[in-house]
């Protein structure tokens, strides 16, 4: 699940998960971004901002910032048309401002959720197509000095041999935008870092940010999200305090001391 930075709505910029999802739900913005940084051609896409998958009680659900599906091009069924035919690709774009220490493993889980979403029941594994998990981060979470990290599965002793699973996991470090050689990619990363918007594409993104800042419906949605996250945070904190309380009780501490240390009421402690 994304780490939302909760701040006054009027101060939101593109690095807010909420604003990023709003702006990049625009098909033209998302399509241009993917084509520019991945150097691929996409005919048509559908965008699902803050898509949620795996909504069952036995598995961890995922909320993607921006989930993009390439839509298949309708072509006649004859060989000459194959050059214009594109298989369906998936793209997950995540704005990740906080290094939670588990982003590579989160990328692995996001990949599995995208695969589940892509494959219908009874489908053949050959139907799985290219998949891109893209994390946009302010700082170098790997500490190796690169501005972009691109990962594929390779044979360990012969890295020129690819596994061929068609899954790509890229991490873009936008505060290191000056080190990026590709001008198109550098322009996006510079905008994420500084909000500089001189080109037409960056102006379009910035105008959408300003548009949503003034949108009362978007503001209401953000406030609702803030309330939900506050409730979730309080619940998580309480569950953590219960674990601490159980440990203290096991050590023989009194209910009064456990209450002082955890903030739980004596009644809540007795119920543990």
C-alpha atoms as a PDB file:
ATOM      1  CA  UNK A   1       0.000   0.000   0.000  1.00  0.00           C
ATOM      2  CA  UNK A   2       1.349   3.477  -0.803  1.00  0.00           C
ATOM      3  CA  UNK A   3       2.768   5.671   1.938  1.00  0.00           C
ATOM      4  CA  UNK A   4       0.643   8.806   1.776  1.00  0.00           C
ATOM      5  CA  UNK A   5       2.123  12.061   3.007  1.00  0.00           C
ATOM      6  CA  UNK A   6      -0.673  13.869   4.804  1.00  0.00           C
ATOM      7  CA  UNK A   7      -0.306  17.634   4.518  1.00  0.00           C
ATOM      8  CA  UNK A   8      -2.719  20.558   3.939  1.00  0.00           C
ATOM      9  CA  UNK A   9      -4.487  20.008   0.641  1.00  0.00           C
ATOM     10  CA  UNK A  10      -3.468  23.370  -0.807  1.00  0.00           C
ATOM     11  CA  UNK A  11       0.212  22.410  -0.386  1.00  0.00           C
ATOM     12  CA  UNK A  12       0.024  19.176  -2.351  1.00  0.00           C
ATOM     13  CA  UNK A  13       2.409  18.794  -5.267  1.00  0.00           C
ATOM     14  CA  UNK A  14       3.132  15.981  -7.715  1.00  0.00           C
ATOM     15  CA  UNK A  15       5.093  14.007  -5.090  1.00  0.00           C
ATOM     16  CA  UNK A  16       1.947  13.435  -3.027  1.00  0.00           C
ATOM     17  CA  UNK A  17       0.605   9.945  -3.781  1.00  0.00           C
ATOM     18  CA  UNK A  18      -2.885  11.395  -3.955  1.00  0.00           C
ATOM     19  CA  UNK A  19      -1.952  14.138  -6.435  1.00  0.00           C
ATOM     20  CA  UNK A  20       0.311  11.832  -8.439  1.00  0.00           C
ATOM     21  CA  UNK A  21      -2.515   9.328  -8.887  1.00  0.00           C
ATOM     22  CA  UNK A  22      -4.906  12.105  -9.907  1.00  0.00           C
ATOM     23  CA  UNK A  23      -2.582  13.642 -12.489  1.00  0.00           C
ATOM     24  CA  UNK A  24      -1.272  10.390 -13.950  1.00  0.00           C
ATOM     25  CA  UNK A  25      -4.776   9.023 -14.344  1.00  0.00           C
ATOM     26  CA  UNK A  26      -4.811  11.308 -17.379  1.00  0.00           C
ATOM     27  CA  UNK A  27      -4.241   8.931 -20.297  1.00  0.00           C
ATOM     28  CA  UNK A  28      -2.127  11.356 -22.297  1.00  0.00           C
ATOM     29  CA  UNK A  29       0.144  12.081 -19.330  1.00  0.00           C
ATOM     30  CA  UNK A  30       0.563   8.405 -18.460  1.00  0.00           C
ATOM     31  CA  UNK A  31       1.099   7.345 -22.071  1.00  0.00           C
ATOM     32  CA  UNK A  32       3.694  10.043 -22.762  1.00  0.00           C
ATOM     33  CA  UNK A  33       5.512   9.257 -19.524  1.00  0.00           C
ATOM     34  CA  UNK A  34       5.741   5.532 -20.252  1.00  0.00           C
ATOM     35  CA  UNK A  35       6.824   6.039 -23.844  1.00  0.00           C
ATOM     36  CA  UNK A  36       9.398   8.670 -22.908  1.00  0.00           C
ATOM     37  CA  UNK A  37      11.142   6.821 -20.074  1.00  0.00           C
ATOM     38  CA  UNK A  38      10.815   3.239 -21.382  1.00  0.00           C
ATOM     39  CA  UNK A  39      11.437   4.076 -25.053  1.00  0.00           C
ATOM     40  CA  UNK A  40       8.529   1.967 -26.248  1.00  0.00           C
ATOM     41  CA  UNK A  41       5.534   2.644 -28.460  1.00  0.00           C
ATOM     42  CA  UNK A  42       2.039   2.334 -27.032  1.00  0.00           C
ATOM     43  CA  UNK A  43      -1.076   2.716 -29.151  1.00  0.00           C
ATOM     44  CA  UNK A  44      -3.803   2.862 -26.555  1.00  0.00           C
ATOM     45  CA  UNK A  45      -4.071   2.493 -22.774  1.00  0.00           C
ATOM     46  CA  UNK A  46      -6.561   2.334 -19.967  1.00  0.00           C
ATOM     47  CA  UNK A  47      -5.583   3.882 -16.628  1.00  0.00           C
ATOM     48  CA  UNK A  48      -6.870   2.819 -13.233  1.00  0.00           C
ATOM     49  CA  UNK A  49      -5.750   5.267 -10.501  1.00  0.00           C
ATOM     50  CA  UNK A  50      -5.396   3.716  -7.025  1.00  0.00           C
ATOM     51  CA  UNK A  51      -6.563   0.321  -8.280  1.00  0.00           C
ATOM     52  CA  UNK A  52      -7.047  -2.260  -5.536  1.00  0.00           C
ATOM     53  CA  UNK A  53      -6.547  -5.987  -5.985  1.00  0.00           C
ATOM     54  CA  UNK A  54      -6.844  -9.132  -3.913  1.00  0.00           C
ATOM     55  CA  UNK A  55      -9.752  -7.976  -1.788  1.00  0.00           C
ATOM     56  CA  UNK A  56     -10.186 -11.118   0.306  1.00  0.00           C
ATOM     57  CA  UNK A  57      -9.568 -11.669   4.042  1.00  0.00           C
ATOM     58  CA  UNK A  58      -6.800 -14.223   3.562  1.00  0.00           C
ATOM     59  CA  UNK A  59      -4.360 -12.187   1.455  1.00  0.00           C
ATOM     60  CA  UNK A  60      -2.765  -8.760   1.699  1.00  0.00           C
ATOM     61  CA  UNK A  61      -4.473  -6.337  -0.662  1.00  0.00           C
ATOM     62  CA  UNK A  62      -2.573  -3.918  -2.867  1.00  0.00           C
ATOM     63  CA  UNK A  63      -3.459  -0.352  -3.760  1.00  0.00           C
ATOM     64  CA  UNK A  64      -1.512   0.739  -6.813  1.00  0.00           C
ATOM     65  CA  UNK A  65      -0.861   4.447  -7.364  1.00  0.00           C
ATOM     66  CA  UNK A  66      -1.435   4.183 -11.114  1.00  0.00           C
ATOM     67  CA  UNK A  67      -2.096   0.887 -12.887  1.00  0.00           C
ATOM     68  CA  UNK A  68      -1.942   1.077 -16.676  1.00  0.00           C
ATOM     69  CA  UNK A  69      -3.062  -1.577 -19.134  1.00  0.00           C
ATOM     70  CA  UNK A  70      -2.146  -1.433 -22.776  1.00  0.00           C
ATOM     71  CA  UNK A  71      -5.233  -2.011 -24.889  1.00  0.00           C
ATOM     72  CA  UNK A  72      -4.893  -4.399 -27.811  1.00  0.00           C
ATOM     73  CA  UNK A  73      -5.029  -3.015 -31.308  1.00  0.00           C
ATOM     74  CA  UNK A  74      -7.821  -4.500 -33.391  1.00  0.00           C
ATOM     75  CA  UNK A  75      -6.329  -5.830 -36.598  1.00  0.00           C
ATOM     76  CA  UNK A  76      -7.551  -8.184 -39.347  1.00  0.00           C
ATOM     77  CA  UNK A  77      -6.428 -11.788 -39.024  1.00  0.00           C
ATOM     78  CA  UNK A  78      -3.801 -12.001 -41.739  1.00  0.00           C
ATOM     79  CA  UNK A  79       0.032 -12.042 -41.563  1.00  0.00           C
ATOM     80  CA  UNK A  80       0.536  -8.534 -42.968  1.00  0.00           C
ATOM     81  CA  UNK A  81      -1.236  -7.071 -39.938  1.00  0.00           C
ATOM     82  CA  UNK A  82       1.136  -8.612 -37.382  1.00  0.00           C
ATOM     83  CA  UNK A  83       3.587  -5.707 -37.610  1.00  0.00           C
ATOM     84  CA  UNK A  84       0.901  -3.411 -36.210  1.00  0.00           C
ATOM     85  CA  UNK A  85      -0.215  -5.759 -33.456  1.00  0.00           C
ATOM     86  CA  UNK A  86       0.813  -5.203 -29.833  1.00  0.00           C
ATOM     87  CA  UNK A  87       0.310  -7.676 -27.017  1.00  0.00           C
ATOM     88  CA  UNK A  88      -1.229  -6.380 -23.809  1.00  0.00           C
ATOM     89  CA  UNK A  89       1.325  -4.975 -21.359  1.00  0.00           C
ATOM     90  CA  UNK A  90       0.909  -3.913 -17.742  1.00  0.00           C
ATOM     91  CA  UNK A  91       2.536  -0.899 -16.090  1.00  0.00           C
ATOM     92  CA  UNK A  92       2.444  -0.078 -12.390  1.00  0.00           C
ATOM     93  CA  UNK A  93       3.711   3.454 -11.610  1.00  0.00           C
ATOM     94  CA  UNK A  94       4.398   4.222  -7.938  1.00  0.00           C
ATOM     95  CA  UNK A  95       5.427   7.522  -6.350  1.00  0.00           C
ATOM     96  CA  UNK A  96       7.304   6.387  -3.233  1.00  0.00           C
ATOM     97  CA  UNK A  97       8.528   9.218  -1.016  1.00  0.00           C
ATOM     98  CA  UNK A  98       9.395   7.085   2.012  1.00  0.00           C
ATOM     99  CA  UNK A  99      12.053   4.371   2.028  1.00  0.00           C
ATOM    100  CA  UNK A 100      10.243   1.737   4.059  1.00  0.00           C
ATOM    101  CA  UNK A 101      13.136  -0.699   3.774  1.00  0.00           C
ATOM    102  CA  UNK A 102      11.159  -3.297   1.832  1.00  0.00           C
ATOM    103  CA  UNK A 103      10.536  -1.728  -1.559  1.00  0.00           C
ATOM    104  CA  UNK A 104      12.249  -4.511  -3.560  1.00  0.00           C
ATOM    105  CA  UNK A 105      10.027  -7.100  -1.873  1.00  0.00           C
ATOM    106  CA  UNK A 106       7.015  -4.865  -2.380  1.00  0.00           C
ATOM    107  CA  UNK A 107       7.876  -4.727  -6.083  1.00  0.00           C
ATOM    108  CA  UNK A 108       7.908  -8.522  -6.091  1.00  0.00           C
ATOM    109  CA  UNK A 109       4.441  -8.642  -4.513  1.00  0.00           C
ATOM    110  CA  UNK A 110       3.077  -5.994  -6.872  1.00  0.00           C
ATOM    111  CA  UNK A 111       4.337  -8.100  -9.770  1.00  0.00           C
ATOM    112  CA  UNK A 112       2.429 -11.129  -8.500  1.00  0.00           C
ATOM    113  CA  UNK A 113      -0.762  -9.097  -8.072  1.00  0.00           C
ATOM    114  CA  UNK A 114      -0.484  -7.741 -11.606  1.00  0.00           C
ATOM    115  CA  UNK A 115      -0.014 -11.276 -12.883  1.00  0.00           C
ATOM    116  CA  UNK A 116      -3.154 -12.421 -11.080  1.00  0.00           C
ATOM    117  CA  UNK A 117      -5.083  -9.517 -12.539  1.00  0.00           C
ATOM    118  CA  UNK A 118      -3.770 -10.248 -16.040  1.00  0.00           C
ATOM    119  CA  UNK A 119      -4.537 -13.966 -16.109  1.00  0.00           C
ATOM    120  CA  UNK A 120      -8.086 -15.190 -16.333  1.00  0.00           C
ATOM    121  CA  UNK A 121      -8.957 -18.497 -14.685  1.00  0.00           C
ATOM    122  CA  UNK A 122      -7.731 -21.364 -16.843  1.00  0.00           C
ATOM    123  CA  UNK A 123      -5.464 -19.136 -18.938  1.00  0.00           C
ATOM    124  CA  UNK A 124      -2.147 -20.403 -20.247  1.00  0.00           C
ATOM    125  CA  UNK A 125       1.107 -19.031 -18.804  1.00  0.00           C
ATOM    126  CA  UNK A 126       2.117 -18.014 -22.323  1.00  0.00           C
ATOM    127  CA  UNK A 127      -0.561 -15.321 -22.129  1.00  0.00           C
ATOM    128  CA  UNK A 128       1.504 -13.374 -19.588  1.00  0.00           C
ATOM    129  CA  UNK A 129       3.012 -10.389 -21.380  1.00  0.00           C
ATOM    130  CA  UNK A 130       5.504  -7.667 -20.521  1.00  0.00           C
ATOM    131  CA  UNK A 131       5.080  -6.115 -17.124  1.00  0.00           C
ATOM    132  CA  UNK A 132       6.784  -3.004 -15.753  1.00  0.00           C
ATOM    133  CA  UNK A 133       6.903  -2.084 -12.061  1.00  0.00           C
ATOM    134  CA  UNK A 134       8.157   1.514 -11.832  1.00  0.00           C
ATOM    135  CA  UNK A 135       9.048   3.143  -8.515  1.00  0.00           C
ATOM    136  CA  UNK A 136       9.785   6.882  -8.440  1.00  0.00           C
ATOM    137  CA  UNK A 137      11.780   7.763  -5.313  1.00  0.00           C
ATOM    138  CA  UNK A 138      13.493  10.943  -4.072  1.00  0.00           C
ATOM    139  CA  UNK A 139      16.586   9.214  -2.690  1.00  0.00           C
ATOM    140  CA  UNK A 140      18.863   6.320  -3.590  1.00  0.00           C
ATOM    141  CA  UNK A 141      17.340   3.391  -1.688  1.00  0.00           C
ATOM    142  CA  UNK A 142      20.145   1.058  -2.844  1.00  0.00           C
ATOM    143  CA  UNK A 143      22.992   3.394  -1.921  1.00  0.00           C
ATOM    144  CA  UNK A 144      25.033   2.556  -5.029  1.00  0.00           C
ATOM    145  CA  UNK A 145      25.038   6.014  -6.571  1.00  0.00           C
ATOM    146  CA  UNK A 146      22.888   5.328  -9.632  1.00  0.00           C
ATOM    147  CA  UNK A 147      20.118   7.622 -10.789  1.00  0.00           C
ATOM    148  CA  UNK A 148      18.147   4.749 -12.358  1.00  0.00           C
ATOM    149  CA  UNK A 149      18.153   1.080 -11.379  1.00  0.00           C
ATOM    150  CA  UNK A 150      16.782  -1.396 -13.906  1.00  0.00           C
ATOM    151  CA  UNK A 151      16.263  -5.015 -12.871  1.00  0.00           C
ATOM    152  CA  UNK A 152      15.576  -8.191 -14.804  1.00  0.00           C
ATOM    153  CA  UNK A 153      16.001 -11.830 -13.824  1.00  0.00           C
ATOM    154  CA  UNK A 154      19.300 -13.157 -15.179  1.00  0.00           C
ATOM    155  CA  UNK A 155      21.417 -16.289 -14.884  1.00  0.00           C
ATOM    156  CA  UNK A 156      23.782 -15.687 -11.969  1.00  0.00           C
ATOM    157  CA  UNK A 157      27.055 -16.873 -13.523  1.00  0.00           C
ATOM    158  CA  UNK A 158      26.200 -15.732 -17.085  1.00  0.00           C
ATOM    159  CA  UNK A 159      24.261 -12.432 -16.717  1.00  0.00           C
ATOM    160  CA  UNK A 160      23.865 -12.162 -20.489  1.00  0.00           C
ATOM    161  CA  UNK A 161      21.365 -15.043 -20.228  1.00  0.00           C
ATOM    162  CA  UNK A 162      17.919 -13.648 -19.414  1.00  0.00           C
ATOM    163  CA  UNK A 163      15.229 -15.702 -17.728  1.00  0.00           C
ATOM    164  CA  UNK A 164      12.742 -14.266 -20.208  1.00  0.00           C
ATOM    165  CA  UNK A 165       9.851 -13.774 -17.771  1.00  0.00           C
ATOM    166  CA  UNK A 166       9.180 -10.349 -19.323  1.00  0.00           C
ATOM    167  CA  UNK A 167       9.066  -8.583 -15.957  1.00  0.00           C
ATOM    168  CA  UNK A 168      11.008  -5.362 -15.459  1.00  0.00           C
ATOM    169  CA  UNK A 169      11.419  -3.498 -12.169  1.00  0.00           C
ATOM    170  CA  UNK A 170      12.824   0.030 -12.435  1.00  0.00           C
ATOM    171  CA  UNK A 171      13.633   2.483  -9.660  1.00  0.00           C
ATOM    172  CA  UNK A 172      14.053   6.163 -10.619  1.00  0.00           C
ATOM    173  CA  UNK A 173      15.876   8.414  -8.121  1.00  0.00           C
ATOM    174  CA  UNK A 174      14.503  11.822  -9.009  1.00  0.00           C
ATOM    175  CA  UNK A 175      16.780  13.911  -6.757  1.00  0.00           C
ATOM    176  CA  UNK A 176      19.659  12.631  -8.911  1.00  0.00           C
ATOM    177  CA  UNK A 177      18.040  13.957 -12.093  1.00  0.00           C
ATOM    178  CA  UNK A 178      21.205  15.826 -13.098  1.00  0.00           C
ATOM    179  CA  UNK A 179      22.984  12.475 -13.559  1.00  0.00           C
ATOM    180  CA  UNK A 180      20.415  11.124 -16.012  1.00  0.00           C
ATOM    181  CA  UNK A 181      21.718  11.225 -19.580  1.00  0.00           C
ATOM    182  CA  UNK A 182      18.416  10.740 -21.377  1.00  0.00           C
ATOM    183  CA  UNK A 183      16.868  14.206 -21.700  1.00  0.00           C
ATOM    184  CA  UNK A 184      13.225  13.040 -21.693  1.00  0.00           C
ATOM    185  CA  UNK A 185      13.637  11.000 -18.509  1.00  0.00           C
ATOM    186  CA  UNK A 186      15.717  13.739 -16.877  1.00  0.00           C
ATOM    187  CA  UNK A 187      12.964  16.287 -17.549  1.00  0.00           C
ATOM    188  CA  UNK A 188      10.356  14.258 -15.658  1.00  0.00           C
ATOM    189  CA  UNK A 189      12.696  13.585 -12.744  1.00  0.00           C
ATOM    190  CA  UNK A 190      13.679  17.242 -12.541  1.00  0.00           C
ATOM    191  CA  UNK A 191      10.018  18.190 -12.359  1.00  0.00           C
ATOM    192  CA  UNK A 192       9.398  15.687  -9.559  1.00  0.00           C
ATOM    193  CA  UNK A 193      12.386  17.133  -7.692  1.00  0.00           C
ATOM    194  CA  UNK A 194      11.978  20.866  -8.322  1.00  0.00           C
ATOM    195  CA  UNK A 195       8.565  21.392  -9.971  1.00  0.00           C
ATOM    196  CA  UNK A 196      10.352  23.126 -12.841  1.00  0.00           C
ATOM    197  CA  UNK A 197       7.921  23.128 -15.782  1.00  0.00           C
ATOM    198  CA  UNK A 198       9.240  24.793 -18.909  1.00  0.00           C
ATOM    199  CA  UNK A 199       8.360  22.230 -21.602  1.00  0.00           C
ATOM    200  CA  UNK A 200       4.828  21.658 -22.840  1.00  0.00           C
ATOM    201  CA  UNK A 201       4.613  18.221 -21.204  1.00  0.00           C
ATOM    202  CA  UNK A 202       5.744  19.506 -17.807  1.00  0.00           C
ATOM    203  CA  UNK A 203       3.427  22.508 -18.098  1.00  0.00           C
ATOM    204  CA  UNK A 204       0.528  20.124 -18.756  1.00  0.00           C
ATOM    205  CA  UNK A 205       1.387  18.108 -15.634  1.00  0.00           C
ATOM    206  CA  UNK A 206       1.769  21.234 -13.512  1.00  0.00           C
ATOM    207  CA  UNK A 207      -1.511  22.670 -14.779  1.00  0.00           C
ATOM    208  CA  UNK A 208      -3.276  19.457 -13.770  1.00  0.00           C
ATOM    209  CA  UNK A 209      -1.743  19.708 -10.290  1.00  0.00           C
ATOM    210  CA  UNK A 210      -3.067  23.268  -9.957  1.00  0.00           C
ATOM    211  CA  UNK A 211      -6.436  22.209 -11.358  1.00  0.00           C
ATOM    212  CA  UNK A 212      -6.874  19.490  -8.738  1.00  0.00           C
ATOM    213  CA  UNK A 213      -5.762  21.850  -5.964  1.00  0.00           C
ATOM    214  CA  UNK A 214      -8.794  23.977  -6.816  1.00  0.00           C
ATOM    215  CA  UNK A 215     -11.178  21.056  -7.290  1.00  0.00           C
ATOM    216  CA  UNK A 216     -13.574  20.775  -4.301  1.00  0.00           C
ATOM    217  CA  UNK A 217     -14.437  17.175  -5.170  1.00  0.00           C
ATOM    218  CA  UNK A 218     -10.761  16.185  -5.179  1.00  0.00           C
ATOM    219  CA  UNK A 219     -10.243  18.038  -1.901  1.00  0.00           C
ATOM    220  CA  UNK A 220     -13.138  16.183  -0.298  1.00  0.00           C
ATOM    221  CA  UNK A 221     -11.711  12.859  -1.496  1.00  0.00           C
ATOM    222  CA  UNK A 222      -8.342  13.776  -0.010  1.00  0.00           C
ATOM    223  CA  UNK A 223      -9.881  14.722   3.338  1.00  0.00           C
ATOM    224  CA  UNK A 224     -11.763  11.412   3.391  1.00  0.00           C
ATOM    225  CA  UNK A 225      -8.513   9.606   2.675  1.00  0.00           C
ATOM    226  CA  UNK A 226      -6.796  11.519   5.482  1.00  0.00           C
ATOM    227  CA  UNK A 227      -9.504  10.433   7.923  1.00  0.00           C
ATOM    228  CA  UNK A 228      -9.220   6.809   6.786  1.00  0.00           C
ATOM    229  CA  UNK A 229      -5.447   6.828   7.186  1.00  0.00           C
ATOM    230  CA  UNK A 230      -5.672   8.421  10.629  1.00  0.00           C
ATOM    231  CA  UNK A 231      -8.107   5.723  11.731  1.00  0.00           C
ATOM    232  CA  UNK A 232      -5.880   3.036  10.247  1.00  0.00           C
ATOM    233  CA  UNK A 233      -2.806   4.500  11.947  1.00  0.00           C
ATOM    234  CA  UNK A 234      -4.534   4.606  15.329  1.00  0.00           C
ATOM    235  CA  UNK A 235      -5.679   1.016  14.915  1.00  0.00           C
ATOM    236  CA  UNK A 236      -2.178  -0.133  13.979  1.00  0.00           C
ATOM    237  CA  UNK A 237      -0.686   1.759  16.941  1.00  0.00           C
ATOM    238  CA  UNK A 238      -3.192   0.161  19.305  1.00  0.00           C
ATOM    239  CA  UNK A 239      -2.422  -3.326  17.987  1.00  0.00           C
ATOM    240  CA  UNK A 240       1.279  -2.657  18.511  1.00  0.00           C
ATOM    241  CA  UNK A 241       0.608  -1.478  22.061  1.00  0.00           C
ATOM    242  CA  UNK A 242      -1.327  -4.666  22.751  1.00  0.00           C
ATOM    243  CA  UNK A 243       1.691  -6.738  21.733  1.00  0.00           C
ATOM    244  CA  UNK A 244       3.888  -4.669  24.045  1.00  0.00           C
ATOM    245  CA  UNK A 245       1.353  -5.072  26.844  1.00  0.00           C
ATOM    246  CA  UNK A 246       1.317  -8.851  26.470  1.00  0.00           C
ATOM    247  CA  UNK A 247       5.106  -8.924  26.637  1.00  0.00           C
ATOM    248  CA  UNK A 248       5.158  -6.755  29.764  1.00  0.00           C
ATOM    249  CA  UNK A 249       2.511  -8.877  31.450  1.00  0.00           C
ATOM    250  CA  UNK A 250       4.537 -11.980  30.642  1.00  0.00           C
ATOM    251  CA  UNK A 251       7.476 -10.344  32.438  1.00  0.00           C
ATOM    252  CA  UNK A 252       5.310  -9.911  35.505  1.00  0.00           C
ATOM    253  CA  UNK A 253       4.676  -6.180  35.332  1.00  0.00           C
ATOM    254  CA  UNK A 254       1.558  -4.812  36.994  1.00  0.00           C
ATOM    255  CA  UNK A 255      -1.511  -3.724  35.070  1.00  0.00           C
ATOM    256  CA  UNK A 256      -0.922  -0.171  36.282  1.00  0.00           C
ATOM    257  CA  UNK A 257       2.604  -0.098  34.856  1.00  0.00           C
ATOM    258  CA  UNK A 258       1.511  -1.673  31.578  1.00  0.00           C
ATOM    259  CA  UNK A 259      -1.221   0.957  31.269  1.00  0.00           C
ATOM    260  CA  UNK A 260       1.305   3.758  31.802  1.00  0.00           C
ATOM    261  CA  UNK A 261       3.681   2.304  29.204  1.00  0.00           C
ATOM    262  CA  UNK A 262       1.157   1.534  26.496  1.00  0.00           C
ATOM    263  CA  UNK A 263      -1.718   3.964  26.977  1.00  0.00           C
ATOM    264  CA  UNK A 264      -4.183   1.074  27.135  1.00  0.00           C
ATOM    265  CA  UNK A 265      -6.905   1.120  29.748  1.00  0.00           C
ATOM    266  CA  UNK A 266      -6.845  -1.440  32.586  1.00  0.00           C
ATOM    267  CA  UNK A 267      -9.965  -3.021  31.096  1.00  0.00           C
ATOM    268  CA  UNK A 268      -8.258  -3.432  27.684  1.00  0.00           C
ATOM    269  CA  UNK A 269      -5.215  -4.977  29.375  1.00  0.00           C
ATOM    270  CA  UNK A 270      -7.299  -7.434  31.382  1.00  0.00           C
ATOM    271  CA  UNK A 271      -9.027  -8.514  28.164  1.00  0.00           C
ATOM    272  CA  UNK A 272      -5.731  -9.533  26.536  1.00  0.00           C
END
